[in-house]
Amino acid sequence: MPETPRAILVVDDDPHVLYALRVALEARGYAVHTAQSGAAALEAAAAVRPDAVVLDLAMPGMDGLQVLQRLRSWSRVPVIVLSGRADEADKVVALDTGADDYLTKPFGNEELLARIRVALRHAQARRDEAPVVRAGDLLIDLAARRVTLNGAEVRLTPTEFALLRELAINADRVLTHRQLLRAVFGPGYEDATANLRVFVGQLRRKIEGEPARPRLVVTEPGVGYRFRLN
């Protein structure tokens, strides 16, 4: 039997954008659903249960952030935010609200398609709950809390392992400073970015071939960090 195509919900108040994205996504085999308002987006998300959502921020009435907040109250569907705002603060707010990724307009279709593929892979990994994460020569056994590099065990402190675990289970996804601090240190530490930088530096010295030019734990300037699998 042929495989059921992945469903993508595209939300934008501009019909020209919706048409262009529908053509690009359908050409890659996706089943595309569209909505031109926040209310319509939430209705479609509940009815269709899409595999991923591409969401514009600037919409009249209920904007993209409000849609995202409501969506996150009942769904973990991957959400890629589109916005004409290039300010880092806007990216941080969207990611902290629950977006999986962020693209600034104008963008290339190939880049959007790549981000969708990453978001879908990440969602599948969450469903599979794989206990082992591999990134090149680095192996992270989440169940055993054991990390090896080129076959040799890497000794991590509990905090370093908690940081690596959070990054690894969200591989290829941007995590903001606040998200990481809340997950690793708990509530009340969301503004301790200096502490986070210290632990990221320590972690890089233990798992990166060239800590000064990190390949695994990469910085997203002004936003946070991303763990790359390859």
Protein backbone atom coordinates (compact mmCIF):
# COMPACT_ATOMS: atom_id res chain seq x y z
CA MET A 1 0.00 0.00 0.00
CA PRO A 2 1.26 3.51 -0.77
CA GLU A 3 2.43 5.51 2.22
CA THR A 4 -0.01 8.14 3.50
CA PRO A 5 1.45 11.59 2.74
CA ARG A 6 2.43 13.78 5.67
CA ALA A 7 -0.12 16.54 6.33
CA ILE A 8 1.14 20.11 6.61
CA LEU A 9 -1.07 22.96 7.82
CA VAL A 10 0.02 26.34 6.40
CA VAL A 11 -1.35 29.43 8.16
CA ASP A 12 -0.99 32.87 6.56
CA ASP A 13 -3.41 35.71 5.87
CA ASP A 14 -1.80 36.36 2.46
CA PRO A 15 -3.48 34.17 -0.22
CA HIS A 16 -0.45 34.55 -2.52
CA VAL A 17 1.84 33.09 0.14
CA LEU A 18 -0.60 30.25 0.77
CA TYR A 19 -0.76 29.42 -2.93
CA ALA A 20 3.02 29.48 -3.37
CA LEU A 21 3.62 27.27 -0.34
CA ARG A 22 0.87 24.86 -1.35
CA VAL A 23 2.48 24.40 -4.78
CA ALA A 24 5.97 23.93 -3.30
CA LEU A 25 4.86 21.47 -0.62
CA GLU A 26 2.51 19.44 -2.82
CA ALA A 27 5.34 19.09 -5.35
CA ARG A 28 7.28 17.29 -2.59
CA GLY A 29 4.44 14.92 -1.83
CA TYR A 30 2.89 16.60 1.22
CA ALA A 31 -0.86 16.86 1.77
CA VAL A 32 -1.40 20.59 2.30
CA HIS A 33 -4.16 22.26 4.32
CA THR A 34 -4.41 26.05 4.61
CA ALA A 35 -5.95 28.64 6.92
CA GLN A 36 -6.05 32.44 6.60
CA SER A 37 -6.85 33.32 10.23
CA GLY A 38 -5.96 32.22 13.73
CA ALA A 39 -9.42 30.87 14.46
CA ALA A 40 -9.47 28.89 11.20
CA ALA A 41 -5.98 27.57 11.97
CA LEU A 42 -7.05 26.16 15.34
CA GLU A 43 -10.15 24.57 13.81
CA ALA A 44 -8.07 22.99 11.04
CA ALA A 45 -5.44 21.75 13.51
CA ALA A 46 -8.11 20.02 15.57
CA ALA A 47 -9.85 18.52 12.54
CA VAL A 48 -6.84 17.51 10.43
CA ARG A 49 -4.28 16.70 13.16
CA PRO A 50 -1.42 17.74 10.85
CA ASP A 51 2.10 16.35 11.10
CA ALA A 52 3.54 19.89 11.09
CA VAL A 53 2.31 23.49 11.06
CA VAL A 54 3.86 26.41 9.16
CA LEU A 55 2.58 29.50 10.98
CA ASP A 56 2.80 33.18 10.09
CA LEU A 57 3.08 35.52 13.07
CA ALA A 58 1.57 38.72 11.70
CA MET A 59 -2.15 38.13 11.21
CA PRO A 60 -5.12 40.37 12.03
CA GLY A 61 -7.23 39.46 15.03
CA MET A 62 -5.64 36.41 16.65
CA ASP A 63 -1.95 36.60 15.76
CA GLY A 64 0.47 33.71 15.35
CA LEU A 65 1.73 33.81 18.94
CA GLN A 66 -1.80 33.50 20.28
CA VAL A 67 -2.43 30.58 17.93
CA LEU A 68 0.79 28.96 19.12
CA GLN A 69 -0.12 29.41 22.79
CA ARG A 70 -3.53 27.80 22.31
CA LEU A 71 -2.12 25.04 20.15
CA ARG A 72 0.50 24.16 22.75
CA SER A 73 -2.19 23.72 25.41
CA TRP A 74 -3.24 20.46 23.72
CA SER A 75 -0.78 19.55 20.97
CA ARG A 76 2.96 18.92 20.49
CA VAL A 77 2.75 19.13 16.70
CA PRO A 78 5.96 20.67 15.26
CA VAL A 79 5.46 24.36 14.48
CA ILE A 80 7.71 26.37 12.16
CA VAL A 81 7.06 30.08 12.56
CA LEU A 82 7.32 32.45 9.59
CA SER A 83 7.73 36.15 10.18
CA GLY A 84 8.78 39.35 8.51
CA ARG A 85 10.30 40.42 11.84
CA ALA A 86 14.03 39.77 11.95
CA ASP A 87 14.54 40.98 15.53
CA GLU A 88 16.16 38.35 17.78
CA ALA A 89 13.70 39.18 20.58
CA ASP A 90 10.80 38.09 18.36
CA LYS A 91 12.53 34.80 17.64
CA VAL A 92 13.12 34.18 21.35
CA VAL A 93 9.48 34.90 22.23
CA ALA A 94 8.22 32.53 19.50
CA LEU A 95 10.60 29.76 20.52
CA ASP A 96 9.86 30.22 24.22
CA THR A 97 6.14 30.03 23.42
CA GLY A 98 6.67 26.62 21.84
CA ALA A 99 7.76 27.02 18.23
CA ASP A 100 10.17 24.36 16.97
CA ASP A 101 11.88 26.64 14.47
CA TYR A 102 11.77 30.15 13.04
CA LEU A 103 12.21 31.46 9.49
CA THR A 104 12.42 35.13 8.57
CA LYS A 105 10.69 36.33 5.39
CA PRO A 106 11.74 36.33 2.62
CA PHE A 107 12.98 32.75 2.65
CA GLY A 108 13.76 30.07 0.09
CA ASN A 109 11.42 27.13 -0.41
CA GLU A 110 14.32 24.69 -0.10
CA GLU A 111 15.21 26.07 3.32
CA LEU A 112 11.61 25.76 4.50
CA LEU A 113 11.42 22.20 3.17
CA ALA A 114 14.63 21.34 5.02
CA ARG A 115 13.27 22.81 8.27
CA ILE A 116 10.06 20.80 7.85
CA ARG A 117 12.04 17.59 7.35
CA VAL A 118 14.03 18.27 10.51
CA ALA A 119 10.86 19.04 12.50
CA LEU A 120 9.22 15.82 11.30
CA ARG A 121 12.31 13.78 12.19
CA HIS A 122 12.38 15.31 15.64
CA ALA A 123 8.71 14.54 16.20
CA GLN A 124 9.27 10.94 15.11
CA ALA A 125 12.23 10.63 17.49
CA ARG A 126 10.02 11.83 20.35
CA ARG A 127 7.46 9.18 19.48
CA ASP A 128 10.11 6.47 19.22
CA GLU A 129 11.73 7.59 22.50
CA ALA A 130 15.06 6.18 21.35
CA PRO A 131 17.26 5.68 24.44
CA VAL A 132 20.48 6.20 22.46
CA VAL A 133 21.45 9.31 20.50
CA ARG A 134 24.40 9.18 18.10
CA ALA A 135 26.14 12.23 16.66
CA GLY A 136 29.19 11.18 14.69
CA ASP A 137 31.61 9.52 17.12
CA LEU A 138 29.62 10.69 20.15
CA LEU A 139 27.19 8.18 21.67
CA ILE A 140 24.71 9.23 24.38
CA ASP A 141 22.94 6.42 26.22
CA LEU A 142 20.09 8.27 27.91
CA ALA A 143 18.84 5.31 29.93
CA ALA A 144 22.27 4.35 31.27
CA ARG A 145 23.35 8.02 31.57
CA ARG A 146 26.57 7.07 29.79
CA VAL A 147 28.42 9.08 27.15
CA THR A 148 31.26 7.80 24.96
CA LEU A 149 33.41 9.54 22.39
CA ASN A 150 35.35 7.35 19.93
CA GLY A 151 34.55 4.43 22.24
CA ALA A 152 36.06 6.07 25.34
CA GLU A 153 33.80 7.05 28.23
CA VAL A 154 33.29 10.78 28.79
CA ARG A 155 32.97 11.78 32.44
CA LEU A 156 30.24 14.37 32.84
CA THR A 157 28.95 16.05 35.97
CA PRO A 158 25.20 15.63 36.66
CA THR A 159 24.56 19.17 35.40
CA GLU A 160 26.63 18.65 32.25
CA PHE A 161 24.75 15.43 31.50
CA ALA A 162 21.37 17.11 32.12
CA LEU A 163 22.36 19.86 29.68
CA LEU A 164 23.57 17.39 27.05
CA ARG A 165 20.45 15.26 27.48
CA GLU A 166 18.13 18.23 26.94
CA LEU A 167 20.06 19.26 23.84
CA ALA A 168 20.23 15.69 22.47
CA ILE A 169 16.55 14.84 22.86
CA ASN A 170 15.80 18.08 21.02
CA ALA A 171 18.47 17.50 18.36
CA ASP A 172 18.46 19.94 15.42
CA ARG A 173 15.99 22.18 17.24
CA VAL A 174 16.87 25.64 18.56
CA LEU A 175 16.52 25.79 22.34
CA THR A 176 16.45 29.24 23.90
CA HIS A 177 18.52 30.17 26.95
CA ARG A 178 15.35 30.24 29.06
CA GLN A 179 14.21 26.81 27.86
CA LEU A 180 17.57 25.24 28.69
CA LEU A 181 17.92 26.96 32.05
CA ARG A 182 14.40 25.96 33.07
CA ALA A 183 14.95 22.35 32.00
CA VAL A 184 18.42 21.94 33.55
CA PHE A 185 18.32 24.17 36.64
CA GLY A 186 14.57 24.45 37.28
CA PRO A 187 12.19 27.39 37.81
CA GLY A 188 13.75 30.60 39.01
CA TYR A 189 16.96 30.26 36.99
CA GLU A 190 15.62 31.42 33.61
CA ASP A 191 17.84 34.52 33.61
CA ALA A 192 21.11 32.83 34.66
CA THR A 193 22.59 32.93 31.16
CA ALA A 194 26.15 33.39 32.49
CA ASN A 195 25.86 30.04 34.32
CA LEU A 196 24.59 28.40 31.15
CA ARG A 197 27.55 29.70 29.13
CA VAL A 198 29.93 28.23 31.70
CA PHE A 199 28.37 24.77 31.49
CA VAL A 200 28.16 24.88 27.70
CA GLY A 201 31.88 25.72 27.62
CA GLN A 202 32.68 22.82 29.95
CA LEU A 203 30.56 20.43 27.89
CA ARG A 204 32.20 21.51 24.64
CA ARG A 205 35.67 20.88 26.08
CA LYS A 206 34.64 17.29 26.80
CA ILE A 207 32.73 16.32 23.66
CA GLU A 208 33.95 18.59 20.85
CA GLY A 209 37.03 17.87 18.73
CA GLU A 210 37.67 21.63 18.54
CA PRO A 211 35.86 23.36 21.43
CA ALA A 212 36.65 26.79 19.98
CA ARG A 213 34.92 25.75 16.74
CA PRO A 214 32.04 23.61 18.01
CA ARG A 215 30.36 21.24 15.59
CA LEU A 216 27.84 19.59 17.92
CA VAL A 217 26.68 22.27 20.39
CA VAL A 218 26.36 25.34 18.18
CA THR A 219 25.40 28.83 19.26
CA GLU A 220 22.34 30.54 17.82
CA PRO A 221 23.42 34.17 18.44
CA GLY A 222 21.16 36.03 20.82
CA VAL A 223 18.75 33.10 21.04
CA GLY A 224 20.27 29.92 22.49
CA TYR A 225 21.87 26.67 21.30
CA ARG A 226 21.26 23.86 18.84
CA PHE A 227 22.61 20.28 19.04
CA ARG A 228 23.51 18.98 15.59
CA LEU A 229 23.50 15.30 14.78
CA ASN A 230 25.59 15.71 11.62
